[in-house]
Amino acid sequence: MDSVISPAPSSRGDLFITELAFGFDPDVDIGAQPVFTADAEITSAAGAVAAITVTRDAVAQGYSGTYNVTLPAGWTLITTDLSFAAGGPAAKVIQFRVADDDYALFRNVTIQPMLSAGAGKTMTTRVNLGVSTPPNIVSLISPAYRSNLSGLVTLTVSAPGGYTTATAFYTHAPTAAKPNKHGYAAAIGPVSLNSQGLGTITIDMNDVPNGTSR
């Protein structure tokens, strides 16, 4: 490091450095750094137990510390021992329970190794919760929303909560018997639902105003 000192200070107690220049010495080895890796993505569901595996490389296995785990609100950490020891196993499985009422498409879990020398890099794992329907709510499983549909189409619906049948209502195009230009409400069903609340409904999309529907 080179420095430039300004002209003599006004008093003996003052020293002014006006410029610093840092140089890189390729012959100086700062040493290999510990590397921790967590699952990038896992799949779970509301109310389920999930697990993330954190692994240490050879350098990181020479360190001891703990993992700082941050879960979404309402989730519960199951693993109580979050420590890792020098020379110990390279992998650590961290378990937690997803909140019973969490129906988001996905959530993020962060894990940060805490070493005696300082905090390591924070790792983020995406927990995919998939398509899940809250009890007493009806949702469309397939086809995907905003799909281009025409002709006979089978809709898969989910209605958990102990329901055994479902009826679908849609706007039918005007007919000679019901000529209102805005169409009329038509019903399909009831159809049976299985023990998981899943069922299928078939509709002729050509009966929907404008023929093809989005």
Protein backbone atom coordinates (compact mmCIF):
# COMPACT_ATOMS: atom_id res chain seq x y z
CA MET A 1 0.00 0.00 0.00
CA ASP A 2 1.39 3.41 -0.99
CA SER A 3 0.37 6.63 0.74
CA VAL A 4 0.74 10.31 0.05
CA ILE A 5 1.04 12.62 3.05
CA SER A 6 0.05 16.24 2.68
CA PRO A 7 2.41 19.10 3.58
CA ALA A 8 3.44 19.48 7.20
CA PRO A 9 0.38 19.77 9.45
CA SER A 10 -0.30 22.90 11.44
CA SER A 11 0.30 21.17 14.75
CA ARG A 12 2.20 18.15 15.96
CA GLY A 13 -1.01 16.32 16.79
CA ASP A 14 -2.44 16.38 13.23
CA LEU A 15 -1.63 14.00 10.37
CA PHE A 16 -3.46 14.12 7.05
CA ILE A 17 -3.39 11.28 4.50
CA THR A 18 -4.82 12.48 1.22
CA GLU A 19 -4.46 9.38 -0.94
CA LEU A 20 -4.21 5.61 -0.52
CA ALA A 21 -3.26 3.10 -3.22
CA PHE A 22 -3.80 -0.62 -2.70
CA GLY A 23 -1.84 -3.22 -4.62
CA PHE A 24 -2.66 -6.89 -5.27
CA ASP A 25 0.00 -9.48 -4.58
CA PRO A 26 -0.86 -12.76 -6.38
CA ASP A 27 1.64 -14.61 -4.20
CA VAL A 28 -0.36 -13.97 -1.05
CA ASP A 29 -2.76 -16.88 -0.32
CA ILE A 30 -5.79 -15.83 1.74
CA GLY A 31 -6.80 -19.49 2.07
CA ALA A 32 -9.78 -21.48 0.80
CA GLN A 33 -13.17 -20.33 2.04
CA PRO A 34 -15.80 -22.69 3.53
CA VAL A 35 -18.74 -23.40 1.24
CA PHE A 36 -22.22 -24.33 2.48
CA THR A 37 -24.96 -25.45 0.08
CA ALA A 38 -28.71 -25.89 0.69
CA ASP A 39 -31.42 -27.38 -1.54
CA ALA A 40 -32.47 -24.80 -4.13
CA GLU A 41 -36.07 -26.09 -4.23
CA ILE A 42 -38.21 -28.65 -2.43
CA THR A 43 -41.89 -29.58 -2.66
CA SER A 44 -44.34 -29.71 0.23
CA ALA A 45 -47.96 -28.83 1.09
CA ALA A 46 -50.04 -27.11 3.75
CA GLY A 47 -49.73 -28.95 7.07
CA ALA A 48 -46.97 -31.27 5.83
CA VAL A 49 -43.51 -31.92 7.26
CA ALA A 50 -40.70 -30.84 4.93
CA ALA A 51 -36.91 -31.05 5.07
CA ILE A 52 -33.98 -29.10 3.65
CA THR A 53 -30.52 -30.65 3.41
CA VAL A 54 -27.49 -28.43 3.99
CA THR A 55 -24.08 -29.78 2.94
CA ARG A 56 -20.53 -28.58 3.73
CA ASP A 57 -17.50 -28.85 1.50
CA ALA A 58 -14.16 -30.17 2.79
CA VAL A 59 -13.08 -26.75 4.02
CA ALA A 60 -16.39 -26.05 5.80
CA GLN A 61 -16.11 -29.41 7.57
CA GLY A 62 -13.20 -27.93 9.47
CA TYR A 63 -15.49 -25.40 11.16
CA SER A 64 -17.98 -25.61 14.01
CA GLY A 65 -21.08 -23.47 14.41
CA THR A 66 -24.86 -23.38 14.13
CA TYR A 67 -27.44 -22.78 11.43
CA ASN A 68 -29.76 -19.80 11.77
CA VAL A 69 -33.08 -20.83 10.18
CA THR A 70 -35.80 -18.31 9.25
CA LEU A 71 -39.22 -19.77 8.44
CA PRO A 72 -42.37 -18.10 7.07
CA ALA A 73 -44.92 -16.94 9.65
CA GLY A 74 -46.88 -19.83 11.14
CA TRP A 75 -44.36 -22.53 10.18
CA THR A 76 -42.79 -24.61 12.94
CA LEU A 77 -39.18 -25.75 13.23
CA ILE A 78 -38.91 -29.45 14.13
CA THR A 79 -35.15 -29.95 14.18
CA THR A 80 -33.87 -28.76 17.56
CA ASP A 81 -30.14 -29.39 17.12
CA LEU A 82 -28.96 -26.90 14.51
CA SER A 83 -25.28 -27.19 15.34
CA PHE A 84 -22.46 -28.57 13.20
CA ALA A 85 -19.02 -29.64 14.40
CA ALA A 86 -15.56 -29.67 12.89
CA GLY A 87 -14.95 -33.12 11.47
CA GLY A 88 -18.65 -33.98 11.79
CA PRO A 89 -21.05 -35.15 9.06
CA ALA A 90 -21.00 -33.13 5.86
CA ALA A 91 -24.81 -33.05 5.58
CA LYS A 92 -27.44 -31.73 7.96
CA VAL A 93 -31.17 -32.34 7.49
CA ILE A 94 -33.37 -29.56 8.86
CA GLN A 95 -37.05 -30.44 9.28
CA PHE A 96 -40.01 -28.12 9.75
CA ARG A 97 -43.80 -28.18 9.44
CA VAL A 98 -45.71 -26.01 6.98
CA ALA A 99 -48.62 -24.10 8.51
CA ASP A 100 -51.97 -25.86 8.12
CA ASP A 101 -53.56 -22.78 6.57
CA ASP A 102 -50.76 -21.78 4.19
CA TYR A 103 -52.05 -22.11 0.63
CA ALA A 104 -49.46 -19.93 -1.15
CA LEU A 105 -47.94 -21.21 -4.37
CA PHE A 106 -44.49 -21.15 -2.71
CA ARG A 107 -42.59 -19.74 0.26
CA ASN A 108 -38.90 -19.12 0.94
CA VAL A 109 -36.84 -20.50 3.83
CA THR A 110 -33.45 -18.96 4.60
CA ILE A 111 -30.55 -20.67 6.37
CA GLN A 112 -27.35 -18.93 7.44
CA PRO A 113 -24.31 -20.70 8.92
CA MET A 114 -22.95 -18.91 11.97
CA LEU A 115 -19.24 -19.55 12.50
CA SER A 116 -16.91 -18.44 15.25
CA ALA A 117 -15.18 -16.26 12.65
CA GLY A 118 -18.47 -14.63 11.62
CA ALA A 119 -21.68 -15.21 9.68
CA GLY A 120 -21.59 -17.23 6.48
CA LYS A 121 -23.54 -16.58 3.28
CA THR A 122 -27.33 -16.80 3.63
CA MET A 123 -28.89 -19.61 1.56
CA THR A 124 -32.48 -19.47 0.28
CA THR A 125 -34.61 -22.52 -0.44
CA ARG A 126 -37.87 -22.20 -2.36
CA VAL A 127 -40.57 -24.45 -0.90
CA ASN A 128 -43.11 -25.18 -3.63
CA LEU A 129 -46.55 -25.81 -2.14
CA GLY A 130 -48.17 -26.60 -5.49
CA VAL A 131 -51.86 -26.29 -6.19
CA SER A 132 -53.71 -26.67 -2.91
CA THR A 133 -57.22 -25.59 -2.07
CA PRO A 134 -58.32 -24.34 1.37
CA PRO A 135 -61.23 -26.25 2.94
CA ASN A 136 -64.67 -24.98 1.88
CA ILE A 137 -63.19 -23.23 -1.16
CA VAL A 138 -63.74 -24.49 -4.71
CA SER A 139 -60.88 -24.07 -7.17
CA LEU A 140 -60.16 -25.03 -10.76
CA ILE A 141 -57.27 -27.49 -11.06
CA SER A 142 -57.25 -27.82 -14.86
CA PRO A 143 -57.17 -26.56 -17.53
CA ALA A 144 -54.97 -23.60 -16.63
CA TYR A 145 -56.56 -20.20 -16.22
CA ARG A 146 -56.62 -18.10 -19.43
CA SER A 147 -56.40 -21.22 -21.59
CA ASN A 148 -57.85 -21.17 -25.11
CA LEU A 149 -60.80 -23.55 -25.05
CA SER A 150 -63.29 -24.79 -27.65
CA GLY A 151 -65.61 -27.77 -28.07
CA LEU A 152 -66.09 -30.29 -25.26
CA VAL A 153 -63.72 -29.56 -22.39
CA THR A 154 -63.33 -31.47 -19.13
CA LEU A 155 -62.74 -29.29 -16.08
CA THR A 156 -61.12 -30.74 -12.96
CA VAL A 157 -62.27 -29.03 -9.78
CA SER A 158 -61.21 -29.31 -6.15
CA ALA A 159 -63.62 -28.81 -3.24
CA PRO A 160 -62.11 -30.28 -0.04
CA GLY A 161 -64.05 -30.12 3.18
CA GLY A 162 -66.18 -33.26 3.06
CA TYR A 163 -68.26 -32.43 0.00
CA THR A 164 -69.50 -35.34 -2.12
CA THR A 165 -71.07 -33.54 -5.11
CA ALA A 166 -70.68 -30.27 -6.98
CA THR A 167 -72.71 -28.29 -9.53
CA ALA A 168 -71.21 -25.85 -12.02
CA PHE A 169 -72.92 -22.76 -13.38
CA TYR A 170 -71.88 -20.84 -16.48
CA THR A 171 -73.25 -18.27 -18.92
CA HIS A 172 -74.85 -19.99 -21.92
CA ALA A 173 -75.13 -18.20 -25.26
CA PRO A 174 -78.60 -16.96 -26.22
CA THR A 175 -80.97 -19.53 -27.72
CA ALA A 176 -84.33 -19.31 -29.48
CA ALA A 177 -86.05 -20.24 -26.20
CA LYS A 178 -83.91 -17.78 -24.19
CA PRO A 179 -83.00 -14.95 -26.55
CA ASN A 180 -81.53 -12.48 -24.02
CA LYS A 181 -78.46 -11.02 -25.73
CA HIS A 182 -76.43 -11.47 -22.54
CA GLY A 183 -77.15 -15.19 -22.42
CA TYR A 184 -78.49 -17.07 -19.42
CA ALA A 185 -77.22 -19.05 -16.44
CA ALA A 186 -76.96 -22.77 -17.17
CA ALA A 187 -76.09 -25.55 -14.73
CA ILE A 188 -74.08 -28.76 -15.08
CA GLY A 189 -74.38 -31.39 -12.40
CA PRO A 190 -74.40 -32.37 -9.77
CA VAL A 191 -71.26 -34.44 -10.34
CA SER A 192 -69.60 -36.76 -7.82
CA LEU A 193 -66.44 -35.82 -5.91
CA ASN A 194 -63.93 -38.35 -4.59
CA SER A 195 -62.64 -38.58 -1.03
CA GLN A 196 -60.13 -35.77 -1.72
CA GLY A 197 -62.87 -33.50 -3.05
CA LEU A 198 -61.79 -33.84 -6.69
CA GLY A 199 -64.24 -34.17 -9.57
CA THR A 200 -64.62 -33.48 -13.29
CA ILE A 201 -67.21 -31.44 -15.18
CA THR A 202 -67.58 -31.50 -18.97
CA ILE A 203 -68.80 -28.40 -20.77
CA ASP A 204 -69.27 -27.53 -24.45
CA MET A 205 -67.33 -24.29 -24.78
CA ASN A 206 -69.17 -23.54 -28.04
CA ASP A 207 -72.23 -22.81 -25.87
CA VAL A 208 -70.35 -20.00 -24.15
CA PRO A 209 -70.94 -16.54 -25.69
CA ASN A 210 -68.52 -15.81 -28.54
CA GLY A 211 -67.79 -19.50 -28.98
CA THR A 212 -64.18 -19.91 -27.90
CA SER A 213 -63.53 -18.72 -24.36
CA ARG A 214 -60.38 -17.49 -22.65
